[in-house]
Amino acid sequence: MSFRDHLFPSSTPTFPHADQVQDYLVSYADHFALRDHIRFNTTVTSLSKAEGHWVIEADHAERGQESSQWDNVVVANGHYADTHIPAVPGLS
């Protein structure tokens, strides 16, 4: 489950807990100095492509409105934070 250039600690179980996955991702971001390229607590209000770059208009919780250009974009909308169990007959 880990990236080849930054492995999970050898003591990590086959099915790690969410906290262990989060610790791994934080470790990865720190190891490769990625934090300056990540925006948390941000609402993207517009995403478009212009002149070969992605143009992002966003409202950041701490910095307010900002516009920036990027070569690549990852959309992480957090929809797994809220559980959804579909109504399946007999499931209960």
Protein backbone atom coordinates (compact mmCIF):
# COMPACT_ATOMS: atom_id res chain seq x y z
CA MET A 1 0.00 0.00 0.00
CA SER A 2 2.95 2.35 0.40
CA PHE A 3 4.83 4.26 -2.25
CA ARG A 4 8.05 2.57 -3.42
CA ASP A 5 10.22 5.54 -2.47
CA HIS A 6 8.84 5.84 1.08
CA LEU A 7 7.73 2.62 2.75
CA PHE A 8 5.49 2.09 5.74
CA PRO A 9 7.42 1.16 8.89
CA SER A 10 8.10 -2.60 8.95
CA SER A 11 5.91 -2.95 12.05
CA THR A 12 2.80 -1.76 10.18
CA PRO A 13 0.09 -4.43 10.01
CA THR A 14 -1.31 -5.63 6.68
CA PHE A 15 -4.50 -3.68 7.34
CA PRO A 16 -3.33 -0.48 9.08
CA HIS A 17 -5.68 1.65 11.18
CA ALA A 18 -6.69 5.03 9.77
CA ASP A 19 -4.35 6.76 12.24
CA GLN A 20 -1.40 4.76 10.92
CA VAL A 21 -2.28 5.67 7.33
CA GLN A 22 -2.54 9.34 8.29
CA ASP A 23 0.83 9.20 10.08
CA TYR A 24 2.34 7.61 6.96
CA LEU A 25 0.92 10.31 4.67
CA VAL A 26 2.17 13.07 6.97
CA SER A 27 5.59 11.40 7.04
CA TYR A 28 5.58 11.19 3.22
CA ALA A 29 4.64 14.87 2.85
CA ASP A 30 7.35 15.89 5.32
CA HIS A 31 10.00 13.63 3.76
CA PHE A 32 9.43 15.10 0.29
CA ALA A 33 8.72 18.69 1.45
CA LEU A 34 5.21 18.68 -0.01
CA ARG A 35 3.39 20.74 2.60
CA ASP A 36 3.96 24.02 0.72
CA HIS A 37 2.02 22.48 -2.18
CA ILE A 38 -0.99 21.33 -0.12
CA ARG A 39 -3.95 23.50 0.87
CA PHE A 40 -6.18 22.24 3.70
CA ASN A 41 -9.45 23.83 4.87
CA THR A 42 -9.96 25.35 1.45
CA THR A 43 -13.05 25.65 -0.72
CA VAL A 44 -12.26 25.64 -4.43
CA THR A 45 -14.63 28.08 -6.11
CA SER A 46 -13.29 27.67 -9.65
CA LEU A 47 -10.94 25.32 -11.50
CA SER A 48 -9.98 25.92 -15.10
CA LYS A 49 -7.11 25.24 -17.47
CA ALA A 50 -5.29 28.11 -19.17
CA GLU A 51 -2.00 28.15 -21.05
CA GLY A 52 -1.11 24.62 -19.92
CA HIS A 53 -1.67 25.28 -16.19
CA TRP A 54 -4.54 24.70 -13.85
CA VAL A 55 -5.91 27.95 -12.47
CA ILE A 56 -7.53 27.59 -9.07
CA GLU A 57 -9.67 30.21 -7.40
CA ALA A 58 -10.19 29.31 -3.76
CA ASP A 59 -11.41 30.55 -0.42
CA HIS A 60 -8.96 29.52 2.30
CA ALA A 61 -10.09 29.49 5.93
CA GLU A 62 -7.04 31.47 7.11
CA ARG A 63 -5.83 33.38 4.03
CA GLY A 64 -9.14 34.30 2.42
CA GLN A 65 -9.55 34.41 -1.37
CA GLU A 66 -6.56 33.32 -3.42
CA SER A 67 -5.75 32.50 -7.01
CA SER A 68 -2.92 30.19 -8.01
CA GLN A 69 -1.55 28.24 -10.96
CA TRP A 70 -0.44 24.61 -10.81
CA ASP A 71 0.91 21.97 -13.17
CA ASN A 72 -1.19 19.24 -11.52
CA VAL A 73 -4.25 19.08 -9.29
CA VAL A 74 -5.52 16.41 -6.89
CA VAL A 75 -9.18 16.62 -5.91
CA ALA A 76 -9.69 15.25 -2.39
CA ASN A 77 -13.24 16.14 -1.44
CA GLY A 78 -13.36 14.16 1.79
CA HIS A 79 -16.56 12.28 1.00
CA TYR A 80 -15.27 9.26 2.92
CA ALA A 81 -15.43 11.27 6.15
CA ASP A 82 -19.20 10.70 6.31
CA THR A 83 -20.37 7.12 6.25
CA HIS A 84 -23.15 6.08 3.94
CA ILE A 85 -24.84 2.72 4.28
CA PRO A 86 -27.34 2.08 1.50
CA ALA A 87 -30.79 0.73 2.31
CA VAL A 88 -30.47 -2.97 1.48
CA PRO A 89 -33.41 -5.26 2.25
CA GLY A 90 -32.49 -7.59 5.13
CA LEU A 91 -29.27 -5.74 5.99
CA SER A 92 -30.40 -4.78 9.46
